[in-house]
């Protein structure tokens, strides 16, 4: 989502070590714009995308005919 923003020049991440529970993110912007604003916007865009995927999935479950497997039988 960050790279879809035309104001983002570069973004990347690295995991310093697999046993460490953090990553490093680098966001480089054109014209000295705020990378934090770009990151927060990308997170909002992802949230909207996941909401629309969930809505489409739930609508498909309600309106389509599926075979349901129940483990209790």
C-alpha atoms as a PDB file:
ATOM      1  CA  UNK A   1       0.000   0.000   0.000  1.00  0.00           C
ATOM      2  CA  UNK A   2       2.873   2.353   0.670  1.00  0.00           C
ATOM      3  CA  UNK A   3       4.258   1.972  -2.836  1.00  0.00           C
ATOM      4  CA  UNK A   4       0.855   2.837  -4.326  1.00  0.00           C
ATOM      5  CA  UNK A   5       1.267   6.317  -2.851  1.00  0.00           C
ATOM      6  CA  UNK A   6       2.885   8.471  -5.575  1.00  0.00           C
ATOM      7  CA  UNK A   7       4.594  10.607  -2.905  1.00  0.00           C
ATOM      8  CA  UNK A   8       6.570   7.608  -1.578  1.00  0.00           C
ATOM      9  CA  UNK A   9       9.964   7.303  -3.237  1.00  0.00           C
ATOM     10  CA  UNK A  10      11.111   4.122  -1.466  1.00  0.00           C
ATOM     11  CA  UNK A  11       9.888   1.764   1.222  1.00  0.00           C
ATOM     12  CA  UNK A  12      11.403  -1.400   2.582  1.00  0.00           C
ATOM     13  CA  UNK A  13      11.815  -3.447   5.706  1.00  0.00           C
ATOM     14  CA  UNK A  14      14.325  -5.738   7.304  1.00  0.00           C
ATOM     15  CA  UNK A  15      14.247  -8.184  10.168  1.00  0.00           C
ATOM     16  CA  UNK A  16      17.546  -7.821  12.051  1.00  0.00           C
ATOM     17  CA  UNK A  17      17.389 -11.354  13.437  1.00  0.00           C
ATOM     18  CA  UNK A  18      14.691 -14.067  13.387  1.00  0.00           C
ATOM     19  CA  UNK A  19      14.757 -14.427  17.170  1.00  0.00           C
ATOM     20  CA  UNK A  20      14.154 -10.694  17.694  1.00  0.00           C
ATOM     21  CA  UNK A  21      10.524  -9.700  17.802  1.00  0.00           C
ATOM     22  CA  UNK A  22      10.730  -6.509  15.711  1.00  0.00           C
ATOM     23  CA  UNK A  23      11.360  -5.233  12.203  1.00  0.00           C
ATOM     24  CA  UNK A  24      12.874  -2.054  10.816  1.00  0.00           C
ATOM     25  CA  UNK A  25      10.846  -0.079   8.272  1.00  0.00           C
ATOM     26  CA  UNK A  26      12.297   2.607   6.008  1.00  0.00           C
ATOM     27  CA  UNK A  27      10.029   5.010   4.159  1.00  0.00           C
ATOM     28  CA  UNK A  28      11.582   7.667   1.965  1.00  0.00           C
ATOM     29  CA  UNK A  29       9.324  10.432   0.667  1.00  0.00           C
ATOM     30  CA  UNK A  30       9.594  12.943  -2.147  1.00  0.00           C
ATOM     31  CA  UNK A  31       9.796  16.632  -1.194  1.00  0.00           C
ATOM     32  CA  UNK A  32      10.543  15.946   2.517  1.00  0.00           C
ATOM     33  CA  UNK A  33       6.943  14.943   3.234  1.00  0.00           C
ATOM     34  CA  UNK A  34       6.024  13.035   6.401  1.00  0.00           C
ATOM     35  CA  UNK A  35       6.705   9.309   6.240  1.00  0.00           C
ATOM     36  CA  UNK A  36       4.533   8.792   9.331  1.00  0.00           C
ATOM     37  CA  UNK A  37       1.544  10.297   7.532  1.00  0.00           C
ATOM     38  CA  UNK A  38       2.181   7.965   4.587  1.00  0.00           C
ATOM     39  CA  UNK A  39       2.431   4.939   6.893  1.00  0.00           C
ATOM     40  CA  UNK A  40      -0.790   5.796   8.728  1.00  0.00           C
ATOM     41  CA  UNK A  41      -2.565   6.356   5.409  1.00  0.00           C
ATOM     42  CA  UNK A  42      -1.359   2.981   4.121  1.00  0.00           C
ATOM     43  CA  UNK A  43      -2.611   1.279   7.290  1.00  0.00           C
ATOM     44  CA  UNK A  44      -6.019   2.944   6.841  1.00  0.00           C
ATOM     45  CA  UNK A  45      -6.075   1.770   3.207  1.00  0.00           C
ATOM     46  CA  UNK A  46      -5.277  -1.793   4.311  1.00  0.00           C
ATOM     47  CA  UNK A  47      -8.039  -1.649   6.912  1.00  0.00           C
ATOM     48  CA  UNK A  48     -10.537  -0.570   4.228  1.00  0.00           C
ATOM     49  CA  UNK A  49      -9.318  -3.293   1.875  1.00  0.00           C
ATOM     50  CA  UNK A  50      -9.704  -6.004   4.516  1.00  0.00           C
ATOM     51  CA  UNK A  51     -13.179  -4.726   5.427  1.00  0.00           C
ATOM     52  CA  UNK A  52     -14.309  -4.954   1.805  1.00  0.00           C
ATOM     53  CA  UNK A  53     -12.842  -8.471   1.496  1.00  0.00           C
ATOM     54  CA  UNK A  54     -14.676  -9.502   4.663  1.00  0.00           C
ATOM     55  CA  UNK A  55     -17.937  -7.990   3.403  1.00  0.00           C
ATOM     56  CA  UNK A  56     -17.631  -9.791   0.061  1.00  0.00           C
ATOM     57  CA  UNK A  57     -16.820 -13.069   1.830  1.00  0.00           C
ATOM     58  CA  UNK A  58     -19.779 -12.791   4.197  1.00  0.00           C
ATOM     59  CA  UNK A  59     -22.134 -11.849   1.340  1.00  0.00           C
ATOM     60  CA  UNK A  60     -20.918 -14.853  -0.632  1.00  0.00           C
ATOM     61  CA  UNK A  61     -21.515 -17.152   2.334  1.00  0.00           C
ATOM     62  CA  UNK A  62     -25.082 -15.879   2.766  1.00  0.00           C
ATOM     63  CA  UNK A  63     -26.143 -15.972  -0.891  1.00  0.00           C
ATOM     64  CA  UNK A  64     -24.320 -18.933  -2.391  1.00  0.00           C
ATOM     65  CA  UNK A  65     -25.076 -22.611  -1.937  1.00  0.00           C
ATOM     66  CA  UNK A  66     -22.216 -24.328  -0.129  1.00  0.00           C
ATOM     67  CA  UNK A  67     -21.805 -27.775   1.304  1.00  0.00           C
ATOM     68  CA  UNK A  68     -21.146 -27.394   5.020  1.00  0.00           C
ATOM     69  CA  UNK A  69     -19.057 -30.007   6.749  1.00  0.00           C
ATOM     70  CA  UNK A  70     -19.913 -30.412  10.426  1.00  0.00           C
ATOM     71  CA  UNK A  71     -17.399 -32.332  12.544  1.00  0.00           C
ATOM     72  CA  UNK A  72     -20.046 -33.204  15.168  1.00  0.00           C
ATOM     73  CA  UNK A  73     -21.888 -35.618  12.876  1.00  0.00           C
END
